[in-house]
N, C-alpha and C. Protein backbone atom coordinates (compact mmCIF):
# COMPACT_ATOMS: atom_id res chain seq x y z
N UNK A 1 18.82 20.13 -65.06
CA UNK A 1 18.52 20.24 -63.90
C UNK A 1 19.43 18.91 -62.39
N UNK A 2 19.34 19.56 -61.62
CA UNK A 2 21.42 18.91 -60.66
C UNK A 2 20.78 17.73 -60.06
N UNK A 3 19.49 17.94 -59.28
CA UNK A 3 19.13 17.50 -57.99
C UNK A 3 17.23 17.17 -58.85
N UNK A 4 16.85 16.29 -58.87
CA UNK A 4 16.12 15.48 -59.87
C UNK A 4 14.83 15.02 -58.62
N UNK A 5 15.01 14.85 -57.33
CA UNK A 5 13.66 14.26 -56.97
C UNK A 5 13.40 15.63 -55.97
N UNK A 6 12.60 15.63 -55.44
CA UNK A 6 11.77 17.02 -54.09
C UNK A 6 11.43 15.98 -53.61
N UNK A 7 11.77 15.94 -52.17
CA UNK A 7 11.43 14.56 -51.81
C UNK A 7 11.32 15.58 -49.76
N UNK A 8 9.96 15.20 -49.23
CA UNK A 8 9.96 15.99 -48.11
C UNK A 8 8.38 14.71 -47.55
N UNK A 9 9.07 15.33 -45.91
CA UNK A 9 8.26 14.50 -45.44
C UNK A 9 8.40 14.57 -44.13
N UNK A 10 7.37 13.88 -42.80
CA UNK A 10 7.09 14.50 -41.39
C UNK A 10 8.28 13.92 -41.08
N UNK A 11 8.98 14.34 -39.07
CA UNK A 11 9.45 13.25 -38.65
C UNK A 11 9.42 13.68 -37.60
N UNK A 12 8.34 12.74 -36.46
CA UNK A 12 7.25 12.61 -35.08
C UNK A 12 8.51 11.30 -34.47
N UNK A 13 9.53 12.17 -33.28
CA UNK A 13 10.27 11.87 -32.17
C UNK A 13 10.08 12.21 -31.45
N UNK A 14 11.67 12.28 -30.88
CA UNK A 14 12.03 12.64 -29.65
C UNK A 14 12.99 13.71 -29.39
N UNK A 15 13.30 14.18 -28.85
CA UNK A 15 14.28 15.18 -28.89
C UNK A 15 15.11 15.35 -30.22
N UNK A 16 13.77 15.93 -31.04
CA UNK A 16 15.28 15.83 -32.20
C UNK A 16 15.47 17.11 -32.80
N UNK A 17 16.55 17.60 -33.08
CA UNK A 17 17.27 18.92 -33.30
C UNK A 17 17.30 19.21 -34.55
N UNK A 18 16.63 20.47 -35.03
CA UNK A 18 16.75 20.65 -36.43
C UNK A 18 18.11 21.76 -36.78
N UNK A 19 19.47 22.17 -35.94
CA UNK A 19 20.24 22.08 -36.04
C UNK A 19 21.09 20.92 -36.20
N UNK A 20 21.01 19.81 -35.46
CA UNK A 20 21.78 18.49 -36.06
C UNK A 20 21.03 17.62 -37.27
N UNK A 21 19.84 18.21 -37.44
CA UNK A 21 19.56 17.11 -38.91
C UNK A 21 20.19 18.17 -39.81
N UNK A 22 20.11 19.40 -40.33
CA UNK A 22 20.88 20.62 -40.67
C UNK A 22 22.37 19.99 -41.05
N UNK A 23 22.98 19.92 -40.35
CA UNK A 23 24.78 19.57 -40.14
C UNK A 23 24.91 17.98 -40.67
N UNK A 24 23.37 17.25 -40.58
CA UNK A 24 23.75 15.82 -41.27
C UNK A 24 23.66 15.62 -42.03
N UNK A 25 21.81 16.42 -42.97
CA UNK A 25 22.01 16.61 -43.81
C UNK A 25 23.28 17.00 -45.35
N UNK A 26 23.56 18.40 -44.37
CA UNK A 26 24.62 19.15 -45.98
C UNK A 26 25.90 18.68 -44.49
N UNK A 27 27.01 17.69 -44.44
CA UNK A 27 27.88 17.03 -44.82
C UNK A 27 27.14 15.37 -45.33
N UNK A 28 26.38 14.99 -45.50
CA UNK A 28 26.36 13.81 -46.00
C UNK A 28 25.53 13.25 -47.06
N UNK A 29 24.50 14.48 -47.73
CA UNK A 29 23.48 14.54 -48.68
C UNK A 29 24.27 15.46 -49.66
N UNK A 30 24.15 15.39 -50.94
CA UNK A 30 24.12 16.01 -51.68
C UNK A 30 22.40 16.86 -52.51
N UNK A 31 22.40 18.25 -52.41
CA UNK A 31 20.88 18.44 -52.78
C UNK A 31 21.05 20.22 -52.38
N UNK A 32 19.83 20.61 -52.71
CA UNK A 32 19.56 21.93 -52.19
C UNK A 32 18.69 22.12 -51.75
N UNK A 33 18.09 23.36 -52.51
CA UNK A 33 16.98 23.70 -50.82
C UNK A 33 16.33 23.07 -50.04
N UNK A 34 17.38 23.19 -48.87
CA UNK A 34 16.92 22.29 -47.55
C UNK A 34 15.88 23.05 -47.17
N UNK A 35 14.63 22.63 -45.91
CA UNK A 35 14.43 23.25 -44.92
C UNK A 35 14.00 22.18 -44.17
N UNK A 36 14.33 23.05 -43.52
CA UNK A 36 14.26 21.94 -41.84
C UNK A 36 13.62 23.01 -40.72
N UNK A 37 12.28 21.67 -40.20
CA UNK A 37 11.22 23.64 -39.71
C UNK A 37 10.89 22.20 -38.71
N UNK A 38 10.59 22.34 -37.19
CA UNK A 38 9.77 22.13 -36.29
C UNK A 38 9.55 22.44 -35.08
N UNK A 39 10.26 20.74 -34.12
CA UNK A 39 10.72 21.68 -32.53
C UNK A 39 10.83 20.43 -32.35
N UNK A 40 11.06 19.96 -31.16
CA UNK A 40 11.31 18.26 -30.70
C UNK A 40 10.94 17.00 -30.92
N UNK A 41 9.63 17.10 -30.99
CA UNK A 41 8.25 16.36 -30.97
C UNK A 41 8.30 15.71 -32.71
N UNK A 42 8.14 16.91 -33.89
CA UNK A 42 7.93 16.83 -34.98
C UNK A 42 7.97 17.90 -35.77
N UNK A 43 9.41 16.60 -36.82
CA UNK A 43 10.04 18.47 -37.55
C UNK A 43 9.24 17.69 -38.83
N UNK A 44 9.56 19.32 -39.85
CA UNK A 44 9.73 18.76 -41.56
C UNK A 44 9.98 19.27 -42.46
N UNK A 45 10.87 18.32 -43.34
CA UNK A 45 11.99 18.53 -44.15
C UNK A 45 11.69 18.27 -45.50
N UNK A 46 11.89 19.03 -46.25
CA UNK A 46 12.23 19.37 -47.93
C UNK A 46 13.55 19.73 -47.79
N UNK A 47 14.31 18.85 -49.07
CA UNK A 47 15.27 18.51 -50.22
C UNK A 47 15.10 17.84 -51.38
N UNK A 48 15.49 18.57 -52.16
CA UNK A 48 16.66 18.40 -53.31
C UNK A 48 17.00 17.00 -53.69
N UNK A 49 17.02 16.46 -54.63
CA UNK A 49 18.01 15.35 -54.00
C UNK A 49 17.84 14.84 -55.21
N UNK A 50 19.29 13.40 -55.92
CA UNK A 50 18.88 12.25 -56.72
C UNK A 50 18.84 11.12 -55.13
N UNK A 51 18.98 11.07 -54.44
CA UNK A 51 19.12 9.88 -53.47
C UNK A 51 17.86 10.22 -52.55
N UNK A 52 16.59 9.91 -53.52
CA UNK A 52 15.37 10.17 -51.76
C UNK A 52 15.90 9.50 -51.08
N UNK A 53 15.84 8.07 -51.44
CA UNK A 53 15.84 6.93 -50.26
C UNK A 53 16.94 6.77 -49.02
N UNK A 54 18.18 7.53 -49.65
CA UNK A 54 18.93 7.87 -48.86
C UNK A 54 18.97 8.30 -47.61
N UNK A 55 18.35 9.58 -47.67
CA UNK A 55 17.15 10.70 -47.51
C UNK A 55 16.09 9.73 -45.80
N UNK A 56 15.40 9.24 -47.05
CA UNK A 56 13.96 8.31 -45.70
C UNK A 56 15.17 7.97 -45.67
N UNK A 57 16.12 6.94 -45.26
CA UNK A 57 16.71 6.01 -44.61
C UNK A 57 17.42 6.41 -43.38
N UNK A 58 17.58 7.94 -43.93
CA UNK A 58 17.99 8.47 -42.03
C UNK A 58 17.54 9.10 -41.71
N UNK A 59 16.38 9.64 -41.76
CA UNK A 59 14.85 10.00 -41.26
C UNK A 59 14.42 9.27 -40.61
N UNK A 60 14.11 7.48 -40.64
CA UNK A 60 13.45 6.63 -40.36
C UNK A 60 14.07 6.52 -39.23
N UNK A 61 15.00 6.86 -38.92
CA UNK A 61 16.39 6.28 -37.94
C UNK A 61 15.77 7.23 -36.77
N UNK A 62 15.64 8.31 -36.80
CA UNK A 62 15.62 9.75 -35.80
C UNK A 62 13.91 9.85 -35.05
N UNK A 63 13.25 8.43 -36.27
CA UNK A 63 11.86 8.26 -35.54
C UNK A 63 10.60 7.99 -36.95
N UNK A 64 8.98 8.48 -35.96
CA UNK A 64 8.91 7.58 -37.48
C UNK A 64 8.79 8.61 -38.50
N UNK A 65 8.69 8.18 -39.91
CA UNK A 65 8.10 8.97 -41.09
C UNK A 65 7.06 9.25 -41.35
N UNK A 66 6.50 10.44 -41.25
CA UNK A 66 5.48 9.75 -42.02
C UNK A 66 4.63 11.46 -43.39
N UNK A 67 3.41 11.22 -43.65
CA UNK A 67 3.08 12.03 -44.53
C UNK A 67 4.48 12.09 -45.87
N UNK A 68 5.49 11.10 -46.55
CA UNK A 68 6.20 11.13 -47.59
C UNK A 68 5.37 11.00 -49.29
N UNK A 69 5.82 12.17 -49.48
CA UNK A 69 6.54 12.18 -50.69
C UNK A 69 8.15 13.13 -51.50
N UNK A 70 7.60 11.65 -52.60
CA UNK A 70 8.88 12.10 -53.61
C UNK A 70 8.40 12.53 -55.43
N UNK A 71 9.06 13.65 -55.30
CA UNK A 71 7.90 13.60 -56.98
C UNK A 71 9.59 13.98 -58.26
N UNK A 72 9.36 13.57 -58.53
CA UNK A 72 10.76 13.60 -59.47
C UNK A 72 9.51 15.37 -61.03
N UNK A 73 10.86 16.08 -60.29
CA UNK A 73 10.90 17.23 -60.95
C UNK A 73 11.41 16.94 -62.47
N UNK A 74 12.54 16.89 -62.76
CA UNK A 74 12.08 16.15 -64.41
C UNK A 74 11.18 15.67 -65.34
N UNK A 75 10.60 14.62 -65.02
CA UNK A 75 9.08 14.20 -65.95
C UNK A 75 8.71 15.39 -65.30
N UNK A 76 8.17 16.18 -63.84
CA UNK A 76 6.71 17.06 -64.06
C UNK A 76 7.53 18.43 -65.29
N UNK A 77 9.09 18.69 -65.28
CA UNK A 77 9.14 19.79 -66.13
C UNK A 77 8.91 19.73 -67.67
N UNK A 78 9.17 18.66 -67.77
CA UNK A 78 8.26 17.65 -69.48
C UNK A 78 7.30 18.03 -69.82
N UNK A 79 6.55 17.91 -68.62
CA UNK A 79 4.67 17.89 -68.43
C UNK A 79 4.52 17.09 -68.47
N UNK A 80 4.49 15.96 -67.87
CA UNK A 80 4.24 14.72 -67.63
C UNK A 80 3.54 14.25 -65.59
N UNK A 81 2.82 13.65 -65.51
CA UNK A 81 2.65 13.00 -64.35
C UNK A 81 2.88 11.67 -63.68
N UNK A 82 3.43 13.11 -62.41
CA UNK A 82 3.48 10.92 -61.51
C UNK A 82 4.61 11.32 -60.76
């Protein structure tokens, strides 16, 4: 598995733009399975990466982040919980 952490969250803010967020992710973070959907006030992010803390830091700078989920997919694949 190339990217270990499934990172999901919501960003609530003003003037959020899916294309701008997507471009930043693609230019600054290694990962895959990027999904960014929403509107200018609330955006859902889904991304597989090895550095979820960097994603959270960037997203927190864009607005209030909540409903944060970071799952270790390697651990899940080994049949463990957590």
